[in-house]
């Protein structure tokens, strides 16, 4: 079965990153300048389109009216080292990458896609470190991004402090999952880490912040795309219905 929607690829010569970045943009079949759209911006973009099957789900869920008009845009990384540099809260390119998203990607999408031009209609979605990036970027730029999806995010004290000190989370829609078995996750740097306990701490903090917040611990869930993909229908129908 072919896809019903249209995939566009746009390149940005980023002045913040000094490199050419590609954005893949998937428009639903019914895409028209007469409608307004939610925009879902995904880091690990190729993974979300390939392993997460986002385009296929977009076709299906638009057809069944389980989600309202949504355009999915994905940005990918070069390799695991590049990904860590850009997504990790203390990565050397993290600040530049965040500026690239807010000052270069969002204006491009606003130009191409008829949207509401407000935070509530823009979501950031990511898994693992990309989920961390989604949360941290929305905390810094709450008027730009009003929705966050994080699947098994990496959480450290820096992240917990940022959430504790944020005054902008009460207006945010957040979707947060972690697998019950994510107690020994293999990290990029070769170490193993317990993701479950820090995510539980993050859950407690976010519950206190009064945001519209969905949290689930996935039964027998591990830190792999198998579990993130199985959850994608619920992610999309919860956040874009």
C-alpha atoms as a PDB file:
ATOM      1  CA  UNK A   1       0.000   0.000   0.000  1.00  0.00           C
ATOM      2  CA  UNK A   2       1.357   3.376  -0.992  1.00  0.00           C
ATOM      3  CA  UNK A   3       1.138   6.355   1.264  1.00  0.00           C
ATOM      4  CA  UNK A   4      -1.799   8.672   0.748  1.00  0.00           C
ATOM      5  CA  UNK A   5      -0.162  11.838   1.981  1.00  0.00           C
ATOM      6  CA  UNK A   6       2.733  13.820   0.526  1.00  0.00           C
ATOM      7  CA  UNK A   7       6.301  13.824   1.811  1.00  0.00           C
ATOM      8  CA  UNK A   8       8.281  17.001   1.193  1.00  0.00           C
ATOM      9  CA  UNK A   9      11.948  17.455   2.024  1.00  0.00           C
ATOM     10  CA  UNK A  10      13.250  20.941   2.776  1.00  0.00           C
ATOM     11  CA  UNK A  11      16.842  21.866   3.548  1.00  0.00           C
ATOM     12  CA  UNK A  12      17.949  24.618   5.890  1.00  0.00           C
ATOM     13  CA  UNK A  13      21.497  25.969   5.854  1.00  0.00           C
ATOM     14  CA  UNK A  14      21.539  26.576   9.566  1.00  0.00           C
ATOM     15  CA  UNK A  15      23.372  29.665  10.738  1.00  0.00           C
ATOM     16  CA  UNK A  16      23.327  28.299  14.294  1.00  0.00           C
ATOM     17  CA  UNK A  17      24.772  24.871  13.483  1.00  0.00           C
ATOM     18  CA  UNK A  18      26.804  25.804  10.389  1.00  0.00           C
ATOM     19  CA  UNK A  19      25.537  22.745   8.573  1.00  0.00           C
ATOM     20  CA  UNK A  20      22.799  21.804   6.155  1.00  0.00           C
ATOM     21  CA  UNK A  21      19.835  20.228   7.924  1.00  0.00           C
ATOM     22  CA  UNK A  22      17.031  18.318   6.180  1.00  0.00           C
ATOM     23  CA  UNK A  23      13.422  18.456   7.331  1.00  0.00           C
ATOM     24  CA  UNK A  24      11.010  15.764   6.152  1.00  0.00           C
ATOM     25  CA  UNK A  25       7.439  17.027   6.153  1.00  0.00           C
ATOM     26  CA  UNK A  26       4.471  14.683   5.812  1.00  0.00           C
ATOM     27  CA  UNK A  27       1.181  16.285   4.833  1.00  0.00           C
ATOM     28  CA  UNK A  28      -2.111  14.376   5.050  1.00  0.00           C
ATOM     29  CA  UNK A  29      -3.966  13.454   1.863  1.00  0.00           C
ATOM     30  CA  UNK A  30      -6.581  16.152   2.438  1.00  0.00           C
ATOM     31  CA  UNK A  31      -3.936  18.877   2.896  1.00  0.00           C
ATOM     32  CA  UNK A  32      -5.267  22.257   1.783  1.00  0.00           C
ATOM     33  CA  UNK A  33      -4.435  25.907   2.430  1.00  0.00           C
ATOM     34  CA  UNK A  34      -8.084  26.301   3.457  1.00  0.00           C
ATOM     35  CA  UNK A  35      -7.551  24.302   6.655  1.00  0.00           C
ATOM     36  CA  UNK A  36      -5.397  24.911   9.707  1.00  0.00           C
ATOM     37  CA  UNK A  37      -3.008  22.270  11.010  1.00  0.00           C
ATOM     38  CA  UNK A  38      -1.300  21.054  14.139  1.00  0.00           C
ATOM     39  CA  UNK A  39       2.430  20.659  13.623  1.00  0.00           C
ATOM     40  CA  UNK A  40       4.252  17.750  15.234  1.00  0.00           C
ATOM     41  CA  UNK A  41       8.017  18.186  15.122  1.00  0.00           C
ATOM     42  CA  UNK A  42       9.981  14.990  15.724  1.00  0.00           C
ATOM     43  CA  UNK A  43      13.661  14.540  16.505  1.00  0.00           C
ATOM     44  CA  UNK A  44      14.995  11.122  15.450  1.00  0.00           C
ATOM     45  CA  UNK A  45      12.813  11.840  12.427  1.00  0.00           C
ATOM     46  CA  UNK A  46      13.793   8.859  10.260  1.00  0.00           C
ATOM     47  CA  UNK A  47      13.213   6.527  13.202  1.00  0.00           C
ATOM     48  CA  UNK A  48       9.710   7.918  13.741  1.00  0.00           C
ATOM     49  CA  UNK A  49       8.843   7.592  10.040  1.00  0.00           C
ATOM     50  CA  UNK A  50      10.412   4.145   9.589  1.00  0.00           C
ATOM     51  CA  UNK A  51      10.218   2.304  12.917  1.00  0.00           C
ATOM     52  CA  UNK A  52       7.434   4.422  14.413  1.00  0.00           C
ATOM     53  CA  UNK A  53       5.415   4.212  11.132  1.00  0.00           C
ATOM     54  CA  UNK A  54       4.122   7.729  11.682  1.00  0.00           C
ATOM     55  CA  UNK A  55       3.161   8.394   8.049  1.00  0.00           C
ATOM     56  CA  UNK A  56       1.133   5.170   7.829  1.00  0.00           C
ATOM     57  CA  UNK A  57      -0.595   5.972  11.131  1.00  0.00           C
ATOM     58  CA  UNK A  58      -1.241   9.535   9.997  1.00  0.00           C
ATOM     59  CA  UNK A  59      -3.066   8.208   6.909  1.00  0.00           C
ATOM     60  CA  UNK A  60      -5.102   5.765   8.970  1.00  0.00           C
ATOM     61  CA  UNK A  61      -6.008   8.129  11.821  1.00  0.00           C
ATOM     62  CA  UNK A  62      -6.887  11.064   9.562  1.00  0.00           C
ATOM     63  CA  UNK A  63      -9.148   8.724   7.557  1.00  0.00           C
ATOM     64  CA  UNK A  64     -10.944   7.544  10.697  1.00  0.00           C
ATOM     65  CA  UNK A  65     -11.138  11.092  12.142  1.00  0.00           C
ATOM     66  CA  UNK A  66      -9.278   9.914  15.251  1.00  0.00           C
ATOM     67  CA  UNK A  67      -6.850  12.808  14.843  1.00  0.00           C
ATOM     68  CA  UNK A  68      -7.533  16.301  13.547  1.00  0.00           C
ATOM     69  CA  UNK A  69      -5.458  17.918  10.794  1.00  0.00           C
ATOM     70  CA  UNK A  70      -1.823  17.325  11.678  1.00  0.00           C
ATOM     71  CA  UNK A  71       1.413  17.667   9.727  1.00  0.00           C
ATOM     72  CA  UNK A  72       4.398  15.593  10.902  1.00  0.00           C
ATOM     73  CA  UNK A  73       7.902  16.977  10.422  1.00  0.00           C
ATOM     74  CA  UNK A  74      11.031  14.966  11.165  1.00  0.00           C
ATOM     75  CA  UNK A  75      14.679  15.922  11.595  1.00  0.00           C
ATOM     76  CA  UNK A  76      17.348  13.234  11.783  1.00  0.00           C
ATOM     77  CA  UNK A  77      20.884  12.988  13.161  1.00  0.00           C
ATOM     78  CA  UNK A  78      24.128  11.926  11.446  1.00  0.00           C
ATOM     79  CA  UNK A  79      25.243   9.292  13.959  1.00  0.00           C
ATOM     80  CA  UNK A  80      24.989   8.570  17.684  1.00  0.00           C
ATOM     81  CA  UNK A  81      27.760  11.067  18.532  1.00  0.00           C
ATOM     82  CA  UNK A  82      26.092  13.860  16.560  1.00  0.00           C
ATOM     83  CA  UNK A  83      22.786  12.970  18.226  1.00  0.00           C
ATOM     84  CA  UNK A  84      24.269  13.224  21.710  1.00  0.00           C
ATOM     85  CA  UNK A  85      25.925  16.582  20.907  1.00  0.00           C
ATOM     86  CA  UNK A  86      22.625  18.051  19.775  1.00  0.00           C
ATOM     87  CA  UNK A  87      20.019  16.397  22.023  1.00  0.00           C
ATOM     88  CA  UNK A  88      21.775  15.871  25.369  1.00  0.00           C
ATOM     89  CA  UNK A  89      21.082  18.734  27.826  1.00  0.00           C
ATOM     90  CA  UNK A  90      24.824  19.219  28.284  1.00  0.00           C
ATOM     91  CA  UNK A  91      25.778  18.411  24.679  1.00  0.00           C
ATOM     92  CA  UNK A  92      28.110  20.966  23.094  1.00  0.00           C
ATOM     93  CA  UNK A  93      25.652  21.786  20.289  1.00  0.00           C
ATOM     94  CA  UNK A  94      22.483  21.581  22.389  1.00  0.00           C
ATOM     95  CA  UNK A  95      21.944  25.316  22.694  1.00  0.00           C
ATOM     96  CA  UNK A  96      22.661  25.941  19.006  1.00  0.00           C
ATOM     97  CA  UNK A  97      20.341  23.091  18.029  1.00  0.00           C
ATOM     98  CA  UNK A  98      17.528  24.479  20.180  1.00  0.00           C
ATOM     99  CA  UNK A  99      17.957  27.891  18.528  1.00  0.00           C
ATOM    100  CA  UNK A 100      17.896  26.207  15.113  1.00  0.00           C
ATOM    101  CA  UNK A 101      14.535  24.580  15.982  1.00  0.00           C
ATOM    102  CA  UNK A 102      12.930  27.765  17.288  1.00  0.00           C
ATOM    103  CA  UNK A 103      14.402  30.349  14.894  1.00  0.00           C
ATOM    104  CA  UNK A 104      14.829  28.365  11.668  1.00  0.00           C
ATOM    105  CA  UNK A 105      12.608  25.274  11.626  1.00  0.00           C
ATOM    106  CA  UNK A 106       9.453  26.810  13.112  1.00  0.00           C
ATOM    107  CA  UNK A 107       9.434  29.829  10.719  1.00  0.00           C
ATOM    108  CA  UNK A 108       9.951  27.465   7.755  1.00  0.00           C
ATOM    109  CA  UNK A 109       7.026  25.269   8.852  1.00  0.00           C
ATOM    110  CA  UNK A 110       4.845  28.318   9.530  1.00  0.00           C
ATOM    111  CA  UNK A 111       5.540  29.492   5.989  1.00  0.00           C
ATOM    112  CA  UNK A 112       4.718  26.119   4.387  1.00  0.00           C
ATOM    113  CA  UNK A 113       1.811  25.026   6.558  1.00  0.00           C
ATOM    114  CA  UNK A 114      -1.321  26.971   7.411  1.00  0.00           C
ATOM    115  CA  UNK A 115      -1.317  26.700  11.201  1.00  0.00           C
ATOM    116  CA  UNK A 116      -2.608  28.584  14.209  1.00  0.00           C
ATOM    117  CA  UNK A 117       0.841  30.115  14.858  1.00  0.00           C
ATOM    118  CA  UNK A 118       0.599  29.393  18.544  1.00  0.00           C
ATOM    119  CA  UNK A 119       2.204  27.036  21.023  1.00  0.00           C
ATOM    120  CA  UNK A 120      -0.889  24.897  21.586  1.00  0.00           C
ATOM    121  CA  UNK A 121      -0.865  23.758  17.964  1.00  0.00           C
ATOM    122  CA  UNK A 122       2.860  22.856  17.953  1.00  0.00           C
ATOM    123  CA  UNK A 123       4.165  19.636  19.475  1.00  0.00           C
ATOM    124  CA  UNK A 124       7.664  18.325  20.029  1.00  0.00           C
ATOM    125  CA  UNK A 125       7.977  14.535  20.006  1.00  0.00           C
ATOM    126  CA  UNK A 126      10.940  12.334  20.816  1.00  0.00           C
ATOM    127  CA  UNK A 127      12.185   9.046  22.245  1.00  0.00           C
ATOM    128  CA  UNK A 128      15.002   8.695  24.779  1.00  0.00           C
ATOM    129  CA  UNK A 129      17.391  11.699  24.411  1.00  0.00           C
ATOM    130  CA  UNK A 130      15.076  13.171  21.762  1.00  0.00           C
ATOM    131  CA  UNK A 131      12.298  13.117  24.359  1.00  0.00           C
ATOM    132  CA  UNK A 132      14.550  14.974  26.782  1.00  0.00           C
ATOM    133  CA  UNK A 133      15.213  17.572  24.096  1.00  0.00           C
ATOM    134  CA  UNK A 134      11.455  17.968  23.508  1.00  0.00           C
ATOM    135  CA  UNK A 135      10.771  18.710  27.167  1.00  0.00           C
ATOM    136  CA  UNK A 136      13.759  21.022  27.687  1.00  0.00           C
ATOM    137  CA  UNK A 137      12.993  23.024  24.536  1.00  0.00           C
ATOM    138  CA  UNK A 138       9.324  23.469  25.464  1.00  0.00           C
ATOM    139  CA  UNK A 139      10.310  24.623  28.966  1.00  0.00           C
ATOM    140  CA  UNK A 140      12.594  27.261  27.428  1.00  0.00           C
ATOM    141  CA  UNK A 141      10.153  28.280  24.673  1.00  0.00           C
ATOM    142  CA  UNK A 142       6.620  27.689  26.017  1.00  0.00           C
ATOM    143  CA  UNK A 143       5.038  30.172  23.603  1.00  0.00           C
ATOM    144  CA  UNK A 144       6.476  28.262  20.653  1.00  0.00           C
ATOM    145  CA  UNK A 145       5.717  24.697  21.767  1.00  0.00           C
ATOM    146  CA  UNK A 146       2.661  23.854  23.869  1.00  0.00           C
ATOM    147  CA  UNK A 147       2.712  20.062  23.545  1.00  0.00           C
ATOM    148  CA  UNK A 148       5.402  17.532  24.442  1.00  0.00           C
ATOM    149  CA  UNK A 149       5.566  13.803  23.722  1.00  0.00           C
ATOM    150  CA  UNK A 150       8.417  11.969  25.426  1.00  0.00           C
ATOM    151  CA  UNK A 151       8.836   8.226  25.217  1.00  0.00           C
ATOM    152  CA  UNK A 152      11.398   6.874  27.713  1.00  0.00           C
ATOM    153  CA  UNK A 153      13.249  10.194  28.039  1.00  0.00           C
ATOM    154  CA  UNK A 154      16.714  10.443  29.533  1.00  0.00           C
ATOM    155  CA  UNK A 155      16.295  12.229  32.884  1.00  0.00           C
ATOM    156  CA  UNK A 156      19.095  13.584  35.095  1.00  0.00           C
ATOM    157  CA  UNK A 157      19.258  16.189  37.865  1.00  0.00           C
ATOM    158  CA  UNK A 158      19.679  18.969  35.318  1.00  0.00           C
ATOM    159  CA  UNK A 159      16.335  17.986  33.753  1.00  0.00           C
ATOM    160  CA  UNK A 160      14.604  17.620  37.131  1.00  0.00           C
ATOM    161  CA  UNK A 161      15.877  21.072  38.200  1.00  0.00           C
ATOM    162  CA  UNK A 162      14.642  22.649  34.969  1.00  0.00           C
ATOM    163  CA  UNK A 163      11.170  21.205  35.584  1.00  0.00           C
ATOM    164  CA  UNK A 164      11.179  22.252  39.240  1.00  0.00           C
ATOM    165  CA  UNK A 165      12.091  25.842  38.334  1.00  0.00           C
ATOM    166  CA  UNK A 166       9.774  26.180  35.344  1.00  0.00           C
ATOM    167  CA  UNK A 167       6.772  28.454  35.675  1.00  0.00           C
ATOM    168  CA  UNK A 168       5.403  27.642  32.234  1.00  0.00           C
ATOM    169  CA  UNK A 169       4.378  23.990  32.504  1.00  0.00           C
ATOM    170  CA  UNK A 170       0.824  24.595  33.723  1.00  0.00           C
ATOM    171  CA  UNK A 171      -0.293  25.545  30.212  1.00  0.00           C
ATOM    172  CA  UNK A 172       1.333  22.548  28.538  1.00  0.00           C
ATOM    173  CA  UNK A 173      -0.022  19.232  27.220  1.00  0.00           C
ATOM    174  CA  UNK A 174       2.440  16.461  28.063  1.00  0.00           C
ATOM    175  CA  UNK A 175       2.496  12.767  27.147  1.00  0.00           C
ATOM    176  CA  UNK A 176       5.084  10.719  29.045  1.00  0.00           C
ATOM    177  CA  UNK A 177       5.786   6.991  29.022  1.00  0.00           C
ATOM    178  CA  UNK A 178       8.515   4.794  30.457  1.00  0.00           C
ATOM    179  CA  UNK A 179       8.893   1.013  30.292  1.00  0.00           C
ATOM    180  CA  UNK A 180       8.677  -1.022  33.499  1.00  0.00           C
ATOM    181  CA  UNK A 181      11.849  -2.907  32.560  1.00  0.00           C
ATOM    182  CA  UNK A 182      14.008   0.123  31.731  1.00  0.00           C
ATOM    183  CA  UNK A 183      16.320  -0.363  34.696  1.00  0.00           C
ATOM    184  CA  UNK A 184      19.506  -1.154  32.745  1.00  0.00           C
ATOM    185  CA  UNK A 185      19.536   0.893  29.574  1.00  0.00           C
ATOM    186  CA  UNK A 186      22.679   0.846  27.418  1.00  0.00           C
ATOM    187  CA  UNK A 187      23.874   4.425  26.926  1.00  0.00           C
ATOM    188  CA  UNK A 188      25.768   5.971  24.003  1.00  0.00           C
ATOM    189  CA  UNK A 189      28.828   6.357  26.234  1.00  0.00           C
ATOM    190  CA  UNK A 190      28.940   2.606  26.929  1.00  0.00           C
ATOM    191  CA  UNK A 191      27.501   2.775  30.443  1.00  0.00           C
ATOM    192  CA  UNK A 192      24.224   1.328  31.701  1.00  0.00           C
ATOM    193  CA  UNK A 193      21.651   3.480  33.459  1.00  0.00           C
ATOM    194  CA  UNK A 194      18.383   3.065  35.324  1.00  0.00           C
ATOM    195  CA  UNK A 195      15.800   5.112  33.405  1.00  0.00           C
ATOM    196  CA  UNK A 196      12.776   4.035  35.449  1.00  0.00           C
ATOM    197  CA  UNK A 197      13.554   5.719  38.781  1.00  0.00           C
ATOM    198  CA  UNK A 198      14.432   9.171  37.347  1.00  0.00           C
ATOM    199  CA  UNK A 199      11.309   9.035  35.142  1.00  0.00           C
ATOM    200  CA  UNK A 200       9.199   8.337  38.223  1.00  0.00           C
ATOM    201  CA  UNK A 201      10.722  11.411  39.857  1.00  0.00           C
ATOM    202  CA  UNK A 202       9.947  13.429  36.742  1.00  0.00           C
ATOM    203  CA  UNK A 203       6.366  12.111  36.817  1.00  0.00           C
ATOM    204  CA  UNK A 204       5.909  13.313  40.420  1.00  0.00           C
ATOM    205  CA  UNK A 205       7.207  16.781  39.547  1.00  0.00           C
ATOM    206  CA  UNK A 206       5.041  17.104  36.437  1.00  0.00           C
ATOM    207  CA  UNK A 207       1.912  16.027  38.308  1.00  0.00           C
ATOM    208  CA  UNK A 208       2.467  18.887  40.725  1.00  0.00           C
ATOM    209  CA  UNK A 209       2.805  21.394  37.888  1.00  0.00           C
ATOM    210  CA  UNK A 210      -0.853  21.177  36.899  1.00  0.00           C
ATOM    211  CA  UNK A 211      -0.303  20.621  33.195  1.00  0.00           C
ATOM    212  CA  UNK A 212      -2.604  18.437  31.095  1.00  0.00           C
ATOM    213  CA  UNK A 213      -0.548  15.358  31.663  1.00  0.00           C
ATOM    214  CA  UNK A 214      -0.743  11.750  30.505  1.00  0.00           C
ATOM    215  CA  UNK A 215       1.653   9.272  32.136  1.00  0.00           C
ATOM    216  CA  UNK A 216       1.978   5.528  31.765  1.00  0.00           C
ATOM    217  CA  UNK A 217       4.466   2.864  32.722  1.00  0.00           C
ATOM    218  CA  UNK A 218       4.420   0.366  29.897  1.00  0.00           C
ATOM    219  CA  UNK A 219       4.043  -3.199  31.089  1.00  0.00           C
ATOM    220  CA  UNK A 220       7.188  -5.228  30.330  1.00  0.00           C
ATOM    221  CA  UNK A 221       8.353  -2.225  28.282  1.00  0.00           C
ATOM    222  CA  UNK A 222      12.006  -1.958  27.313  1.00  0.00           C
ATOM    223  CA  UNK A 223      14.077   0.873  25.830  1.00  0.00           C
ATOM    224  CA  UNK A 224      13.425  -0.119  22.201  1.00  0.00           C
ATOM    225  CA  UNK A 225      11.347   0.912  19.208  1.00  0.00           C
ATOM    226  CA  UNK A 226       9.219  -2.212  19.556  1.00  0.00           C
ATOM    227  CA  UNK A 227       7.504  -0.644  22.589  1.00  0.00           C
ATOM    228  CA  UNK A 228       7.521   2.948  21.331  1.00  0.00           C
ATOM    229  CA  UNK A 229       5.888   1.848  18.074  1.00  0.00           C
ATOM    230  CA  UNK A 230       3.201  -0.188  19.873  1.00  0.00           C
ATOM    231  CA  UNK A 231       2.252   2.982  21.738  1.00  0.00           C
ATOM    232  CA  UNK A 232       2.148   5.322  18.710  1.00  0.00           C
ATOM    233  CA  UNK A 233      -1.594   5.086  18.007  1.00  0.00           C
ATOM    234  CA  UNK A 234      -2.339   6.084  21.597  1.00  0.00           C
ATOM    235  CA  UNK A 235       0.267   8.875  21.432  1.00  0.00           C
ATOM    236  CA  UNK A 236      -1.284  10.414  18.325  1.00  0.00           C
ATOM    237  CA  UNK A 237      -4.946  10.021  19.311  1.00  0.00           C
ATOM    238  CA  UNK A 238      -4.253  11.430  22.800  1.00  0.00           C
ATOM    239  CA  UNK A 239      -2.331  14.469  21.572  1.00  0.00           C
ATOM    240  CA  UNK A 240      -3.965  15.340  18.246  1.00  0.00           C
ATOM    241  CA  UNK A 241      -7.619  14.363  18.610  1.00  0.00           C
END
